[in-house]
Amino acid sequence: MIDYRETLVTLLHSEDRHVAAKTLNISVPSLNYRINQMKKAGVKVPTPPKRRTLDNLMVAQLNSIIKKYKTSEAN
């Protein structure tokens, strides 16, 4: 059986619950159950951050990379 400490550390180091469940070799519902058990016991399990969407700065940076690529390709 997987230790609660291992579950929490894996969850904190994973991109999302699907990745954590796969790493722990358990199903996502099993992971969710363990997380809920920890929360009921008083563990302040953090909610995962929202996936970052493309903001204006990132779009500008990506377009700059494309422009440089096209310029170097033309030479």
N, C-alpha and C. Protein backbone atom coordinates (compact mmCIF):
# COMPACT_ATOMS: atom_id res chain seq x y z
N MET A 1 0.84 -1.19 0.00
CA MET A 1 0.00 0.00 0.00
C MET A 1 0.88 1.24 0.00
N ILE A 2 0.43 2.24 -0.70
CA ILE A 2 1.20 3.48 -0.85
C ILE A 2 1.01 4.35 0.39
N ASP A 3 2.11 4.83 0.90
CA ASP A 3 2.14 5.69 2.07
C ASP A 3 1.54 7.06 1.71
N TYR A 4 0.86 7.68 2.67
CA TYR A 4 0.28 9.01 2.43
C TYR A 4 1.36 10.05 2.14
N ARG A 5 2.53 9.90 2.77
CA ARG A 5 3.63 10.84 2.49
C ARG A 5 4.07 10.73 1.04
N GLU A 6 4.20 9.49 0.57
CA GLU A 6 4.60 9.28 -0.82
C GLU A 6 3.54 9.85 -1.77
N THR A 7 2.29 9.65 -1.42
CA THR A 7 1.20 10.18 -2.24
C THR A 7 1.30 11.70 -2.34
N LEU A 8 1.48 12.36 -1.21
CA LEU A 8 1.54 13.82 -1.19
C LEU A 8 2.75 14.35 -1.94
N VAL A 9 3.91 13.76 -1.69
CA VAL A 9 5.13 14.23 -2.37
C VAL A 9 5.01 14.03 -3.88
N THR A 10 4.49 12.90 -4.29
CA THR A 10 4.31 12.65 -5.72
C THR A 10 3.33 13.64 -6.32
N LEU A 11 2.24 13.90 -5.62
CA LEU A 11 1.25 14.87 -6.09
C LEU A 11 1.87 16.26 -6.25
N LEU A 12 2.67 16.66 -5.27
CA LEU A 12 3.29 17.99 -5.31
C LEU A 12 4.31 18.12 -6.44
N HIS A 13 4.92 17.01 -6.84
CA HIS A 13 5.92 17.06 -7.89
C HIS A 13 5.37 16.74 -9.28
N SER A 14 4.09 16.48 -9.37
CA SER A 14 3.49 16.09 -10.65
C SER A 14 2.77 17.27 -11.30
N GLU A 15 2.67 17.18 -12.59
CA GLU A 15 1.99 18.22 -13.37
C GLU A 15 0.50 18.27 -13.05
N ASP A 16 -0.11 17.11 -12.88
CA ASP A 16 -1.52 17.04 -12.53
C ASP A 16 -1.82 15.69 -11.88
N ARG A 17 -3.07 15.49 -11.53
CA ARG A 17 -3.44 14.26 -10.82
C ARG A 17 -3.30 13.02 -11.68
N HIS A 18 -3.50 13.17 -12.98
CA HIS A 18 -3.36 12.02 -13.87
C HIS A 18 -1.92 11.52 -13.87
N VAL A 19 -0.98 12.45 -13.92
CA VAL A 19 0.44 12.09 -13.90
C VAL A 19 0.80 11.48 -12.55
N ALA A 20 0.30 12.07 -11.48
CA ALA A 20 0.59 11.54 -10.14
C ALA A 20 0.05 10.13 -9.98
N ALA A 21 -1.18 9.90 -10.45
CA ALA A 21 -1.77 8.56 -10.34
C ALA A 21 -0.95 7.55 -11.13
N LYS A 22 -0.53 7.93 -12.32
CA LYS A 22 0.27 7.03 -13.15
C LYS A 22 1.60 6.72 -12.47
N THR A 23 2.23 7.74 -11.89
CA THR A 23 3.50 7.55 -11.19
C THR A 23 3.34 6.61 -10.01
N LEU A 24 2.22 6.76 -9.29
CA LEU A 24 1.96 5.92 -8.13
C LEU A 24 1.38 4.55 -8.51
N ASN A 25 1.08 4.39 -9.79
CA ASN A 25 0.51 3.14 -10.31
C ASN A 25 -0.85 2.83 -9.68
N ILE A 26 -1.66 3.90 -9.54
CA ILE A 26 -3.03 3.75 -9.06
C ILE A 26 -3.96 4.52 -9.99
N SER A 27 -5.25 4.32 -9.85
CA SER A 27 -6.20 5.03 -10.69
C SER A 27 -6.41 6.45 -10.16
N VAL A 28 -6.90 7.33 -11.02
CA VAL A 28 -7.19 8.70 -10.60
C VAL A 28 -8.25 8.72 -9.50
N PRO A 29 -9.33 7.91 -9.62
CA PRO A 29 -10.30 7.89 -8.51
C PRO A 29 -9.67 7.45 -7.18
N SER A 30 -8.74 6.51 -7.22
CA SER A 30 -8.06 6.08 -5.99
C SER A 30 -7.22 7.22 -5.42
N LEU A 31 -6.55 7.95 -6.29
CA LEU A 31 -5.76 9.10 -5.85
C LEU A 31 -6.68 10.16 -5.25
N ASN A 32 -7.79 10.44 -5.92
CA ASN A 32 -8.74 11.43 -5.40
C ASN A 32 -9.26 11.02 -4.02
N TYR A 33 -9.52 9.74 -3.84
CA TYR A 33 -9.99 9.23 -2.56
C TYR A 33 -8.94 9.49 -1.47
N ARG A 34 -7.68 9.19 -1.79
CA ARG A 34 -6.60 9.39 -0.82
C ARG A 34 -6.45 10.88 -0.49
N ILE A 35 -6.56 11.73 -1.50
CA ILE A 35 -6.46 13.17 -1.28
C ILE A 35 -7.61 13.64 -0.37
N ASN A 36 -8.81 13.16 -0.65
CA ASN A 36 -9.95 13.53 0.19
C ASN A 36 -9.79 13.05 1.62
N GLN A 37 -9.22 11.86 1.80
CA GLN A 37 -8.96 11.35 3.15
C GLN A 37 -7.97 12.25 3.88
N MET A 38 -6.93 12.68 3.18
CA MET A 38 -5.95 13.57 3.80
C MET A 38 -6.61 14.90 4.18
N LYS A 39 -7.44 15.43 3.27
CA LYS A 39 -8.11 16.71 3.55
C LYS A 39 -9.04 16.58 4.76
N LYS A 40 -9.78 15.47 4.84
CA LYS A 40 -10.68 15.25 5.98
C LYS A 40 -9.90 15.19 7.29
N ALA A 41 -8.68 14.66 7.23
CA ALA A 41 -7.84 14.55 8.42
C ALA A 41 -7.20 15.88 8.80
N GLY A 42 -7.31 16.87 7.92
CA GLY A 42 -6.76 18.19 8.23
C GLY A 42 -5.54 18.59 7.44
N VAL A 43 -5.10 17.73 6.52
CA VAL A 43 -3.94 18.07 5.69
C VAL A 43 -4.37 19.12 4.67
N LYS A 44 -3.61 20.19 4.58
CA LYS A 44 -3.94 21.28 3.66
C LYS A 44 -3.34 20.99 2.29
N VAL A 45 -3.93 20.03 1.61
CA VAL A 45 -3.45 19.64 0.28
C VAL A 45 -3.72 20.80 -0.67
N PRO A 46 -2.67 21.35 -1.30
CA PRO A 46 -2.89 22.49 -2.18
C PRO A 46 -3.62 22.09 -3.46
N THR A 47 -4.41 23.01 -3.95
CA THR A 47 -5.06 22.77 -5.24
C THR A 47 -4.03 23.07 -6.32
N PRO A 48 -4.04 22.28 -7.37
CA PRO A 48 -3.04 22.50 -8.41
C PRO A 48 -3.26 23.85 -9.09
N PRO A 49 -2.17 24.46 -9.53
CA PRO A 49 -2.32 25.75 -10.22
C PRO A 49 -3.06 25.55 -11.53
N LYS A 50 -3.74 26.59 -11.95
CA LYS A 50 -4.42 26.55 -13.25
C LYS A 50 -3.36 26.45 -14.33
N ARG A 51 -3.71 25.72 -15.36
CA ARG A 51 -2.77 25.65 -16.48
C ARG A 51 -2.60 27.03 -17.09
N ARG A 52 -1.39 27.37 -17.36
CA ARG A 52 -1.08 28.69 -17.89
C ARG A 52 -1.52 28.79 -19.34
N THR A 53 -2.24 29.83 -19.63
CA THR A 53 -2.65 30.06 -21.01
C THR A 53 -1.67 31.04 -21.64
N LEU A 54 -1.73 31.15 -22.92
CA LEU A 54 -0.85 32.08 -23.60
C LEU A 54 -1.28 33.51 -23.30
N ASP A 55 -0.36 34.28 -22.73
CA ASP A 55 -0.66 35.68 -22.49
C ASP A 55 -0.01 36.50 -23.61
N ASN A 56 -0.28 37.79 -23.61
CA ASN A 56 0.21 38.64 -24.70
C ASN A 56 1.72 38.64 -24.81
N LEU A 57 2.41 38.65 -23.67
CA LEU A 57 3.87 38.64 -23.70
C LEU A 57 4.40 37.36 -24.33
N MET A 58 3.82 36.22 -23.94
CA MET A 58 4.27 34.95 -24.48
C MET A 58 4.00 34.88 -25.99
N VAL A 59 2.86 35.38 -26.41
CA VAL A 59 2.53 35.38 -27.85
C VAL A 59 3.55 36.23 -28.59
N ALA A 60 3.89 37.39 -28.05
CA ALA A 60 4.88 38.25 -28.69
C ALA A 60 6.24 37.56 -28.78
N GLN A 61 6.63 36.85 -27.71
CA GLN A 61 7.90 36.13 -27.72
C GLN A 61 7.90 35.01 -28.76
N LEU A 62 6.80 34.28 -28.85
CA LEU A 62 6.71 33.19 -29.82
C LEU A 62 6.75 33.73 -31.24
N ASN A 63 6.07 34.84 -31.48
CA ASN A 63 6.09 35.45 -32.82
C ASN A 63 7.49 35.96 -33.16
N SER A 64 8.22 36.44 -32.15
CA SER A 64 9.58 36.90 -32.36
C SER A 64 10.48 35.72 -32.76
N ILE A 65 10.29 34.60 -32.12
CA ILE A 65 11.06 33.40 -32.48
C ILE A 65 10.78 32.99 -33.92
N ILE A 66 9.51 33.01 -34.31
CA ILE A 66 9.15 32.66 -35.69
C ILE A 66 9.78 33.62 -36.67
N LYS A 67 9.75 34.90 -36.36
CA LYS A 67 10.33 35.92 -37.25
C LYS A 67 11.83 35.69 -37.41
N LYS A 68 12.54 35.39 -36.30
CA LYS A 68 13.97 35.12 -36.37
C LYS A 68 14.25 33.86 -37.18
N TYR A 69 13.40 32.85 -37.00
CA TYR A 69 13.57 31.60 -37.74
C TYR A 69 13.41 31.83 -39.23
N LYS A 70 12.39 32.59 -39.61
CA LYS A 70 12.15 32.87 -41.04
C LYS A 70 13.29 33.68 -41.63
N THR A 71 13.82 34.63 -40.84
CA THR A 71 14.94 35.47 -41.30
C THR A 71 16.18 34.61 -41.51
N SER A 72 16.49 33.74 -40.57
CA SER A 72 17.69 32.92 -40.69
C SER A 72 17.52 31.87 -41.80
N GLU A 73 16.29 31.42 -42.03
CA GLU A 73 16.02 30.45 -43.08
C GLU A 73 16.18 31.08 -44.47
N ALA A 74 15.86 32.38 -44.58
CA ALA A 74 15.96 33.07 -45.85
C ALA A 74 17.41 33.32 -46.25
N ASN A 75 18.31 33.36 -45.27
CA ASN A 75 19.74 33.63 -45.57
C ASN A 75 20.44 32.41 -45.98
